[in-house]
Amino acid sequence: YDQRVVREIPMDSAEMVMSTLAEAHQLFQDQSPSD
């Protein structure tokens, strides 16, 4: 409604995005309870 900046979000490189997705996928696959 007023074009004021709410937050500035850093952009990651493609390698960082792929690494983050791979880690998220691994965590999703291994849903065993952590101690």
Full PDB file with SEQRES, HELIX, SHEET, SSBOND, CRYST1, ORIGX, SCALE, CONECT and MASTER records, all heavy atoms in Angstrom:
SEQRES   1 A   35  TYR ASP GLN ARG VAL VAL ARG GLU ILE PRO MET ASP SER          
SEQRES   2 A   35  ALA GLU MET VAL MET SER THR LEU ALA GLU ALA HIS GLN          
SEQRES   3 A   35  LEU PHE GLN ASP GLN SER PRO SER ASP                          
HELIX    1 AA1 ALA A   14  GLN A   29  1                                  16    
CRYST1    1.000    1.000    1.000  90.00  90.00  90.00 P 1           1          
ORIGX1      1.000000  0.000000  0.000000        0.00000                         
ORIGX2      0.000000  1.000000  0.000000        0.00000                         
ORIGX3      0.000000  0.000000  1.000000        0.00000                         
SCALE1      1.000000  0.000000  0.000000        0.00000                         
SCALE2      0.000000  1.000000  0.000000        0.00000                         
SCALE3      0.000000  0.000000  1.000000        0.00000                         
ATOM      1  N   TYR A   1       0.794  -1.223   0.000  1.00  0.00           N  
ATOM      2  CA  TYR A   1       0.000   0.000   0.000  1.00  0.00           C  
ATOM      3  C   TYR A   1       0.828   1.275   0.000  1.00  0.00           C  
ATOM      4  O   TYR A   1       0.345   2.321  -0.405  1.00  0.00           O  
ATOM      5  CB  TYR A   1      -0.993   0.017   1.159  1.00  0.00           C  
ATOM      6  CG  TYR A   1      -0.390  -0.275   2.508  1.00  0.00           C  
ATOM      7  CD1 TYR A   1       0.112   0.737   3.300  1.00  0.00           C  
ATOM      8  CD2 TYR A   1      -0.314  -1.575   2.965  1.00  0.00           C  
ATOM      9  CE1 TYR A   1       0.674   0.461   4.535  1.00  0.00           C  
ATOM     10  CE2 TYR A   1       0.240  -1.858   4.202  1.00  0.00           C  
ATOM     11  CZ  TYR A   1       0.739  -0.836   4.981  1.00  0.00           C  
ATOM     12  OH  TYR A   1       1.297  -1.113   6.195  1.00  0.00           O  
ATOM     13  N   ASP A   2       2.090   1.234   0.462  1.00  0.00           N  
ATOM     14  CA  ASP A   2       2.883   2.465   0.443  1.00  0.00           C  
ATOM     15  C   ASP A   2       4.311   2.265  -0.087  1.00  0.00           C  
ATOM     16  O   ASP A   2       5.097   3.192  -0.115  1.00  0.00           O  
ATOM     17  CB  ASP A   2       2.923   3.122   1.822  1.00  0.00           C  
ATOM     18  CG  ASP A   2       3.617   2.270   2.868  1.00  0.00           C  
ATOM     19  OD1 ASP A   2       4.133   1.186   2.528  1.00  0.00           O  
ATOM     20  OD2 ASP A   2       3.631   2.693   4.042  1.00  0.00           O  
ATOM     21  N   GLN A   3       4.626   1.049  -0.503  1.00  0.00           N  
ATOM     22  CA  GLN A   3       5.925   0.705  -1.098  1.00  0.00           C  
ATOM     23  C   GLN A   3       7.109   0.919  -0.155  1.00  0.00           C  
ATOM     24  O   GLN A   3       8.236   1.011  -0.587  1.00  0.00           O  
ATOM     25  CB  GLN A   3       6.147   1.468  -2.411  1.00  0.00           C  
ATOM     26  CG  GLN A   3       5.126   1.171  -3.483  1.00  0.00           C  
ATOM     27  CD  GLN A   3       5.109  -0.292  -3.852  1.00  0.00           C  
ATOM     28  OE1 GLN A   3       6.121  -0.843  -4.248  1.00  0.00           O  
ATOM     29  NE2 GLN A   3       3.976  -0.948  -3.705  1.00  0.00           N  
ATOM     30  N   ARG A   4       6.855   0.984   1.151  1.00  0.00           N  
ATOM     31  CA  ARG A   4       7.946   1.089   2.119  1.00  0.00           C  
ATOM     32  C   ARG A   4       8.582  -0.282   2.306  1.00  0.00           C  
ATOM     33  O   ARG A   4       7.914  -1.314   2.243  1.00  0.00           O  
ATOM     34  CB  ARG A   4       7.433   1.610   3.449  1.00  0.00           C  
ATOM     35  CG  ARG A   4       7.032   3.088   3.360  1.00  0.00           C  
ATOM     36  CD  ARG A   4       6.513   3.632   4.649  1.00  0.00           C  
ATOM     37  NE  ARG A   4       7.470   3.442   5.737  1.00  0.00           N  
ATOM     38  CZ  ARG A   4       7.167   3.557   7.015  1.00  0.00           C  
ATOM     39  NH1 ARG A   4       5.933   3.847   7.379  1.00  0.00           N  
ATOM     40  NH2 ARG A   4       8.078   3.378   7.945  1.00  0.00           N  
ATOM     41  N   VAL A   5       9.896  -0.304   2.553  1.00  0.00           N  
ATOM     42  CA  VAL A   5      10.621  -1.553   2.738  1.00  0.00           C  
ATOM     43  C   VAL A   5      10.245  -2.173   4.076  1.00  0.00           C  
ATOM     44  O   VAL A   5      10.321  -1.528   5.117  1.00  0.00           O  
ATOM     45  CB  VAL A   5      12.146  -1.321   2.667  1.00  0.00           C  
ATOM     46  CG1 VAL A   5      12.904  -2.606   2.958  1.00  0.00           C  
ATOM     47  CG2 VAL A   5      12.540  -0.762   1.314  1.00  0.00           C  
ATOM     48  N   VAL A   6       9.810  -3.428   4.027  1.00  0.00           N  
ATOM     49  CA  VAL A   6       9.492  -4.175   5.234  1.00  0.00           C  
ATOM     50  C   VAL A   6      10.748  -4.893   5.726  1.00  0.00           C  
ATOM     51  O   VAL A   6      11.083  -4.853   6.895  1.00  0.00           O  
ATOM     52  CB  VAL A   6       8.376  -5.215   4.976  1.00  0.00           C  
ATOM     53  CG1 VAL A   6       8.131  -6.067   6.198  1.00  0.00           C  
ATOM     54  CG2 VAL A   6       7.110  -4.534   4.517  1.00  0.00           C  
ATOM     55  N   ARG A   7      11.430  -5.540   4.811  1.00  0.00           N  
ATOM     56  CA  ARG A   7      12.614  -6.303   5.147  1.00  0.00           C  
ATOM     57  C   ARG A   7      13.479  -6.470   3.904  1.00  0.00           C  
ATOM     58  O   ARG A   7      12.972  -6.542   2.799  1.00  0.00           O  
ATOM     59  CB  ARG A   7      12.213  -7.675   5.673  1.00  0.00           C  
ATOM     60  CG  ARG A   7      13.391  -8.520   6.101  1.00  0.00           C  
ATOM     61  CD  ARG A   7      12.958  -9.754   6.809  1.00  0.00           C  
ATOM     62  NE  ARG A   7      12.321  -9.340   8.057  1.00  0.00           N  
ATOM     63  CZ  ARG A   7      11.635 -10.150   8.843  1.00  0.00           C  
ATOM     64  NH1 ARG A   7      11.479 -11.396   8.514  1.00  0.00           N  
ATOM     65  NH2 ARG A   7      11.090  -9.721   9.952  1.00  0.00           N  
ATOM     66  N   GLU A   8      14.769  -6.551   4.104  1.00  0.00           N  
ATOM     67  CA  GLU A   8      15.702  -6.835   3.022  1.00  0.00           C  
ATOM     68  C   GLU A   8      16.207  -8.257   3.234  1.00  0.00           C  
ATOM     69  O   GLU A   8      16.724  -8.597   4.293  1.00  0.00           O  
ATOM     70  CB  GLU A   8      16.861  -5.843   3.041  1.00  0.00           C  
ATOM     71  CG  GLU A   8      17.624  -5.844   1.752  1.00  0.00           C  
ATOM     72  CD  GLU A   8      18.448  -4.588   1.565  1.00  0.00           C  
ATOM     73  OE1 GLU A   8      17.937  -3.495   1.863  1.00  0.00           O  
ATOM     74  OE2 GLU A   8      19.593  -4.737   1.123  1.00  0.00           O  
ATOM     75  N   ILE A   9      16.004  -9.092   2.222  1.00  0.00           N  
ATOM     76  CA  ILE A   9      16.308 -10.515   2.340  1.00  0.00           C  
ATOM     77  C   ILE A   9      17.510 -10.839   1.459  1.00  0.00           C  
ATOM     78  O   ILE A   9      17.477 -10.603   0.247  1.00  0.00           O  
ATOM     79  CB  ILE A   9      15.090 -11.353   1.892  1.00  0.00           C  
ATOM     80  CG1 ILE A   9      13.868 -10.922   2.695  1.00  0.00           C  
ATOM     81  CG2 ILE A   9      15.370 -12.836   2.023  1.00  0.00           C  
ATOM     82  CD1 ILE A   9      12.561 -11.371   2.111  1.00  0.00           C  
ATOM     83  N   PRO A  10      18.591 -11.389   2.042  1.00  0.00           N  
ATOM     84  CA  PRO A  10      19.763 -11.724   1.236  1.00  0.00           C  
ATOM     85  C   PRO A  10      19.450 -12.853   0.256  1.00  0.00           C  
ATOM     86  O   PRO A  10      18.715 -13.777   0.577  1.00  0.00           O  
ATOM     87  CB  PRO A  10      20.812 -12.152   2.248  1.00  0.00           C  
ATOM     88  CG  PRO A  10      20.104 -12.360   3.523  1.00  0.00           C  
ATOM     89  CD  PRO A  10      18.763 -11.695   3.440  1.00  0.00           C  
ATOM     90  N   MET A  11      20.009 -12.740  -0.931  1.00  0.00           N  
ATOM     91  CA  MET A  11      19.844 -13.782  -1.944  1.00  0.00           C  
ATOM     92  C   MET A  11      21.043 -14.709  -1.888  1.00  0.00           C  
ATOM     93  O   MET A  11      22.178 -14.271  -1.754  1.00  0.00           O  
ATOM     94  CB  MET A  11      19.729 -13.166  -3.339  1.00  0.00           C  
ATOM     95  CG  MET A  11      18.452 -12.387  -3.529  1.00  0.00           C  
ATOM     96  SD  MET A  11      18.300 -11.602  -5.139  1.00  0.00           S  
ATOM     97  CE  MET A  11      18.682 -12.897  -6.257  1.00  0.00           C  
ATOM     98  N   ASP A  12      20.798 -16.001  -1.985  1.00  0.00           N  
ATOM     99  CA  ASP A  12      21.861 -16.991  -1.962  1.00  0.00           C  
ATOM    100  C   ASP A  12      22.274 -17.370  -3.376  1.00  0.00           C  
ATOM    101  O   ASP A  12      21.530 -17.185  -4.334  1.00  0.00           O  
ATOM    102  CB  ASP A  12      21.398 -18.250  -1.227  1.00  0.00           C  
ATOM    103  CG  ASP A  12      21.228 -18.032   0.263  1.00  0.00           C  
ATOM    104  OD1 ASP A  12      21.997 -17.223   0.827  1.00  0.00           O  
ATOM    105  OD2 ASP A  12      20.338 -18.658   0.850  1.00  0.00           O  
ATOM    106  N   SER A  13      23.440 -17.939  -3.481  1.00  0.00           N  
ATOM    107  CA  SER A  13      23.904 -18.448  -4.767  1.00  0.00           C  
ATOM    108  C   SER A  13      23.157 -19.739  -5.094  1.00  0.00           C  
ATOM    109  O   SER A  13      22.531 -20.356  -4.219  1.00  0.00           O  
ATOM    110  CB  SER A  13      25.406 -18.726  -4.704  1.00  0.00           C  
ATOM    111  OG  SER A  13      25.659 -19.794  -3.799  1.00  0.00           O  
ATOM    112  N   ALA A  14      23.231 -20.170  -6.328  1.00  0.00           N  
ATOM    113  CA  ALA A  14      22.571 -21.410  -6.745  1.00  0.00           C  
ATOM    114  C   ALA A  14      23.126 -22.599  -5.962  1.00  0.00           C  
ATOM    115  O   ALA A  14      22.375 -23.500  -5.573  1.00  0.00           O  
ATOM    116  CB  ALA A  14      22.759 -21.621  -8.241  1.00  0.00           C  
ATOM    117  N   GLU A  15      24.424 -22.581  -5.689  1.00  0.00           N  
ATOM    118  CA  GLU A  15      25.045 -23.674  -4.943  1.00  0.00           C  
ATOM    119  C   GLU A  15      24.484 -23.740  -3.515  1.00  0.00           C  
ATOM    120  O   GLU A  15      24.224 -24.813  -2.985  1.00  0.00           O  
ATOM    121  CB  GLU A  15      26.567 -23.516  -4.906  1.00  0.00           C  
ATOM    122  CG  GLU A  15      27.236 -23.675  -6.245  1.00  0.00           C  
ATOM    123  CD  GLU A  15      27.184 -22.405  -7.104  1.00  0.00           C  
ATOM    124  OE1 GLU A  15      26.894 -21.309  -6.573  1.00  0.00           O  
ATOM    125  OE2 GLU A  15      27.426 -22.525  -8.321  1.00  0.00           O  
ATOM    126  N   MET A  16      24.308 -22.580  -2.889  1.00  0.00           N  
ATOM    127  CA  MET A  16      23.777 -22.537  -1.527  1.00  0.00           C  
ATOM    128  C   MET A  16      22.326 -23.016  -1.509  1.00  0.00           C  
ATOM    129  O   MET A  16      21.924 -23.745  -0.602  1.00  0.00           O  
ATOM    130  CB  MET A  16      23.881 -21.125  -0.958  1.00  0.00           C  
ATOM    131  CG  MET A  16      23.375 -21.033   0.459  1.00  0.00           C  
ATOM    132  SD  MET A  16      24.244 -22.115   1.575  1.00  0.00           S  
ATOM    133  CE  MET A  16      25.299 -20.942   2.358  1.00  0.00           C  
ATOM    134  N   VAL A  17      21.550 -22.637  -2.508  1.00  0.00           N  
ATOM    135  CA  VAL A  17      20.156 -23.075  -2.585  1.00  0.00           C  
ATOM    136  C   VAL A  17      20.097 -24.595  -2.737  1.00  0.00           C  
ATOM    137  O   VAL A  17      19.332 -25.274  -2.038  1.00  0.00           O  
ATOM    138  CB  VAL A  17      19.417 -22.378  -3.745  1.00  0.00           C  
ATOM    139  CG1 VAL A  17      18.048 -23.007  -3.977  1.00  0.00           C  
ATOM    140  CG2 VAL A  17      19.284 -20.893  -3.465  1.00  0.00           C  
ATOM    141  N   MET A  18      20.914 -25.156  -3.627  1.00  0.00           N  
ATOM    142  CA  MET A  18      20.922 -26.604  -3.832  1.00  0.00           C  
ATOM    143  C   MET A  18      21.363 -27.336  -2.567  1.00  0.00           C  
ATOM    144  O   MET A  18      20.797 -28.373  -2.211  1.00  0.00           O  
ATOM    145  CB  MET A  18      21.817 -26.981  -5.013  1.00  0.00           C  
ATOM    146  CG  MET A  18      21.286 -26.482  -6.355  1.00  0.00           C  
ATOM    147  SD  MET A  18      19.595 -27.042  -6.697  1.00  0.00           S  
ATOM    148  CE  MET A  18      19.878 -28.774  -6.955  1.00  0.00           C  
ATOM    149  N   SER A  19      22.347 -26.806  -1.872  1.00  0.00           N  
ATOM    150  CA  SER A  19      22.814 -27.407  -0.624  1.00  0.00           C  
ATOM    151  C   SER A  19      21.713 -27.382   0.432  1.00  0.00           C  
ATOM    152  O   SER A  19      21.483 -28.371   1.139  1.00  0.00           O  
ATOM    153  CB  SER A  19      24.053 -26.662  -0.125  1.00  0.00           C  
ATOM    154  OG  SER A  19      24.420 -27.106   1.151  1.00  0.00           O  
ATOM    155  N   THR A  20      21.022 -26.268   0.544  1.00  0.00           N  
ATOM    156  CA  THR A  20      19.936 -26.138   1.508  1.00  0.00           C  
ATOM    157  C   THR A  20      18.790 -27.095   1.184  1.00  0.00           C  
ATOM    158  O   THR A  20      18.232 -27.740   2.074  1.00  0.00           O  
ATOM    159  CB  THR A  20      19.423 -24.684   1.549  1.00  0.00           C  
ATOM    160  OG1 THR A  20      20.523 -23.831   1.891  1.00  0.00           O  
ATOM    161  CG2 THR A  20      18.300 -24.505   2.549  1.00  0.00           C  
ATOM    162  N   LEU A  21      18.455 -27.213  -0.104  1.00  0.00           N  
ATOM    163  CA  LEU A  21      17.400 -28.148  -0.512  1.00  0.00           C  
ATOM    164  C   LEU A  21      17.797 -29.591  -0.229  1.00  0.00           C  
ATOM    165  O   LEU A  21      16.975 -30.388   0.228  1.00  0.00           O  
ATOM    166  CB  LEU A  21      17.074 -27.967  -1.993  1.00  0.00           C  
ATOM    167  CG  LEU A  21      16.294 -26.716  -2.346  1.00  0.00           C  
ATOM    168  CD1 LEU A  21      16.204 -26.557  -3.865  1.00  0.00           C  
ATOM    169  CD2 LEU A  21      14.915 -26.739  -1.725  1.00  0.00           C  
ATOM    170  N   ALA A  22      19.046 -29.934  -0.489  1.00  0.00           N  
ATOM    171  CA  ALA A  22      19.518 -31.291  -0.226  1.00  0.00           C  
ATOM    172  C   ALA A  22      19.451 -31.603   1.268  1.00  0.00           C  
ATOM    173  O   ALA A  22      19.029 -32.691   1.667  1.00  0.00           O  
ATOM    174  CB  ALA A  22      20.947 -31.464  -0.742  1.00  0.00           C  
ATOM    175  N   GLU A  23      19.843 -30.639   2.097  1.00  0.00           N  
ATOM    176  CA  GLU A  23      19.777 -30.842   3.544  1.00  0.00           C  
ATOM    177  C   GLU A  23      18.328 -30.988   4.002  1.00  0.00           C  
ATOM    178  O   GLU A  23      18.010 -31.863   4.818  1.00  0.00           O  
ATOM    179  CB  GLU A  23      20.436 -29.684   4.277  1.00  0.00           C  
ATOM    180  CG  GLU A  23      20.437 -29.855   5.772  1.00  0.00           C  
ATOM    181  CD  GLU A  23      21.126 -28.711   6.497  1.00  0.00           C  
ATOM    182  OE1 GLU A  23      21.658 -27.795   5.844  1.00  0.00           O  
ATOM    183  OE2 GLU A  23      21.116 -28.742   7.739  1.00  0.00           O  
ATOM    184  N   ALA A  24      17.432 -30.155   3.487  1.00  0.00           N  
ATOM    185  CA  ALA A  24      16.019 -30.241   3.848  1.00  0.00           C  
ATOM    186  C   ALA A  24      15.440 -31.587   3.426  1.00  0.00           C  
ATOM    187  O   ALA A  24      14.676 -32.217   4.175  1.00  0.00           O  
ATOM    188  CB  ALA A  24      15.238 -29.099   3.206  1.00  0.00           C  
ATOM    189  N   HIS A  25      15.814 -32.060   2.253  1.00  0.00           N  
ATOM    190  CA  HIS A  25      15.329 -33.356   1.768  1.00  0.00           C  
ATOM    191  C   HIS A  25      15.822 -34.479   2.678  1.00  0.00           C  
ATOM    192  O   HIS A  25      15.052 -35.379   3.042  1.00  0.00           O  
ATOM    193  CB  HIS A  25      15.792 -33.582   0.327  1.00  0.00           C  
ATOM    194  CG  HIS A  25      15.364 -34.897  -0.223  1.00  0.00           C  
ATOM    195  ND1 HIS A  25      14.062 -35.161  -0.575  1.00  0.00           N  
ATOM    196  CD2 HIS A  25      16.069 -36.018  -0.482  1.00  0.00           C  
ATOM    197  CE1 HIS A  25      13.980 -36.396  -1.026  1.00  0.00           C  
ATOM    198  NE2 HIS A  25      15.177 -36.941  -0.972  1.00  0.00           N  
ATOM    199  N   GLN A  26      17.090 -34.424   3.051  1.00  0.00           N  
ATOM    200  CA  GLN A  26      17.654 -35.445   3.932  1.00  0.00           C  
ATOM    201  C   GLN A  26      16.934 -35.446   5.283  1.00  0.00           C  
ATOM    202  O   GLN A  26      16.599 -36.496   5.810  1.00  0.00           O  
ATOM    203  CB  GLN A  26      19.159 -35.217   4.125  1.00  0.00           C  
ATOM    204  CG  GLN A  26      19.802 -36.212   5.066  1.00  0.00           C  
ATOM    205  CD  GLN A  26      19.712 -37.639   4.571  1.00  0.00           C  
ATOM    206  OE1 GLN A  26      19.766 -37.904   3.381  1.00  0.00           O  
ATOM    207  NE2 GLN A  26      19.545 -38.574   5.486  1.00  0.00           N  
ATOM    208  N   LEU A  27      16.692 -34.274   5.840  1.00  0.00           N  
ATOM    209  CA  LEU A  27      15.990 -34.189   7.121  1.00  0.00           C  
ATOM    210  C   LEU A  27      14.562 -34.703   7.015  1.00  0.00           C  
ATOM    211  O   LEU A  27      14.042 -35.334   7.928  1.00  0.00           O  
ATOM    212  CB  LEU A  27      16.000 -32.734   7.629  1.00  0.00           C  
ATOM    213  CG  LEU A  27      17.361 -32.232   8.069  1.00  0.00           C  
ATOM    214  CD1 LEU A  27      17.291 -30.719   8.322  1.00  0.00           C  
ATOM    215  CD2 LEU A  27      17.853 -32.970   9.297  1.00  0.00           C  
ATOM    216  N   PHE A  28      13.923 -34.461   5.856  1.00  0.00           N  
ATOM    217  CA  PHE A  28      12.563 -34.973   5.647  1.00  0.00           C  
ATOM    218  C   PHE A  28      12.571 -36.488   5.572  1.00  0.00           C  
ATOM    219  O   PHE A  28      11.699 -37.151   6.125  1.00  0.00           O  
ATOM    220  CB  PHE A  28      11.977 -34.379   4.360  1.00  0.00           C  
ATOM    221  CG  PHE A  28      10.601 -34.917   4.046  1.00  0.00           C  
ATOM    222  CD1 PHE A  28       9.493 -34.426   4.723  1.00  0.00           C  
ATOM    223  CD2 PHE A  28      10.422 -35.888   3.084  1.00  0.00           C  
ATOM    224  CE1 PHE A  28       8.234 -34.916   4.452  1.00  0.00           C  
ATOM    225  CE2 PHE A  28       9.161 -36.369   2.806  1.00  0.00           C  
ATOM    226  CZ  PHE A  28       8.063 -35.894   3.494  1.00  0.00           C  
ATOM    227  N   GLN A  29      13.571 -37.067   4.900  1.00  0.00           N  
ATOM    228  CA  GLN A  29      13.666 -38.514   4.756  1.00  0.00           C  
ATOM    229  C   GLN A  29      13.923 -39.193   6.103  1.00  0.00           C  
ATOM    230  O   GLN A  29      13.430 -40.283   6.354  1.00  0.00           O  
ATOM    231  CB  GLN A  29      14.777 -38.876   3.762  1.00  0.00           C  
ATOM    232  CG  GLN A  29      14.512 -38.433   2.345  1.00  0.00           C  
ATOM    233  CD  GLN A  29      13.306 -39.115   1.736  1.00  0.00           C  
ATOM    234  OE1 GLN A  29      13.077 -40.295   1.928  1.00  0.00           O  
ATOM    235  NE2 GLN A  29      12.514 -38.365   0.998  1.00  0.00           N  
ATOM    236  N   ASP A  30      14.711 -38.578   6.967  1.00  0.00           N  
ATOM    237  CA  ASP A  30      15.074 -39.147   8.261  1.00  0.00           C  
ATOM    238  C   ASP A  30      14.272 -38.429   9.353  1.00  0.00           C  
ATOM    239  O   ASP A  30      14.725 -37.473   9.949  1.00  0.00           O  
ATOM    240  CB  ASP A  30      16.565 -38.997   8.514  1.00  0.00           C  
ATOM    241  CG  ASP A  30      16.973 -39.577   9.865  1.00  0.00           C  
ATOM    242  OD1 ASP A  30      16.187 -40.352  10.460  1.00  0.00           O  
ATOM    243  OD2 ASP A  30      18.077 -39.244  10.330  1.00  0.00           O  
ATOM    244  N   GLN A  31      13.060 -38.910   9.584  1.00  0.00           N  
ATOM    245  CA  GLN A  31      12.200 -38.260  10.562  1.00  0.00           C  
ATOM    246  C   GLN A  31      12.208 -38.992  11.896  1.00  0.00           C  
ATOM    247  O   GLN A  31      11.249 -38.940  12.666  1.00  0.00           O  
ATOM    248  CB  GLN A  31      10.782 -38.151  10.010  1.00  0.00           C  
ATOM    249  CG  GLN A  31      10.719 -37.231   8.821  1.00  0.00           C  
ATOM    250  CD  GLN A  31       9.301 -36.925   8.403  1.00  0.00           C  
ATOM    251  OE1 GLN A  31       8.354 -37.049   9.168  1.00  0.00           O  
ATOM    252  NE2 GLN A  31       9.146 -36.491   7.165  1.00  0.00           N  
ATOM    253  N   SER A  32      13.326 -39.652  12.194  1.00  0.00           N  
ATOM    254  CA  SER A  32      13.427 -40.321  13.491  1.00  0.00           C  
ATOM    255  C   SER A  32      13.539 -39.259  14.589  1.00  0.00           C  
ATOM    256  O   SER A  32      14.107 -38.188  14.373  1.00  0.00           O  
ATOM    257  CB  SER A  32      14.655 -41.234  13.525  1.00  0.00           C  
ATOM    258  OG  SER A  32      15.824 -40.488  13.293  1.00  0.00           O  
ATOM    259  N   PRO A  33      12.985 -39.563  15.760  1.00  0.00           N  
ATOM    260  CA  PRO A  33      13.061 -38.575  16.839  1.00  0.00           C  
ATOM    261  C   PRO A  33      14.504 -38.339  17.272  1.00  0.00           C  
ATOM    262  O   PRO A  33      15.303 -39.270  17.326  1.00  0.00           O  
ATOM    263  CB  PRO A  33      12.245 -39.205  17.979  1.00  0.00           C  
ATOM    264  CG  PRO A  33      11.973 -40.607  17.585  1.00  0.00           C  
ATOM    265  CD  PRO A  33      12.290 -40.771  16.137  1.00  0.00           C  
ATOM    266  N   SER A  34      14.827 -37.103  17.550  1.00  0.00           N  
ATOM    267  CA  SER A  34      16.185 -36.785  18.003  1.00  0.00           C  
ATOM    268  C   SER A  34      16.215 -36.783  19.512  1.00  0.00           C  
ATOM    269  O   SER A  34      15.248 -36.431  20.173  1.00  0.00           O  
ATOM    270  CB  SER A  34      16.634 -35.431  17.447  1.00  0.00           C  
ATOM    271  OG  SER A  34      15.767 -34.430  17.886  1.00  0.00           O  
ATOM    272  N   ASP A  35      17.333 -37.205  20.070  1.00  0.00           N  
ATOM    273  CA  ASP A  35      17.472 -37.275  21.537  1.00  0.00           C  
ATOM    274  C   ASP A  35      18.179 -36.060  22.065  1.00  0.00           C  
ATOM    275  O   ASP A  35      18.963 -35.430  21.553  1.00  0.00           O  
ATOM    276  CB  ASP A  35      18.229 -38.525  21.951  1.00  0.00           C  
ATOM    277  CG  ASP A  35      17.428 -39.784  21.587  1.00  0.00           C  
ATOM    278  OD1 ASP A  35      16.194 -39.721  21.626  1.00  0.00           O  
ATOM    279  OD2 ASP A  35      18.074 -40.791  21.267  1.00  0.00           O  
TER     280      ASP A  35                                                      
MASTER        0    0    0    1    0    0    0    6  279    1    0    3          
END                                                                             
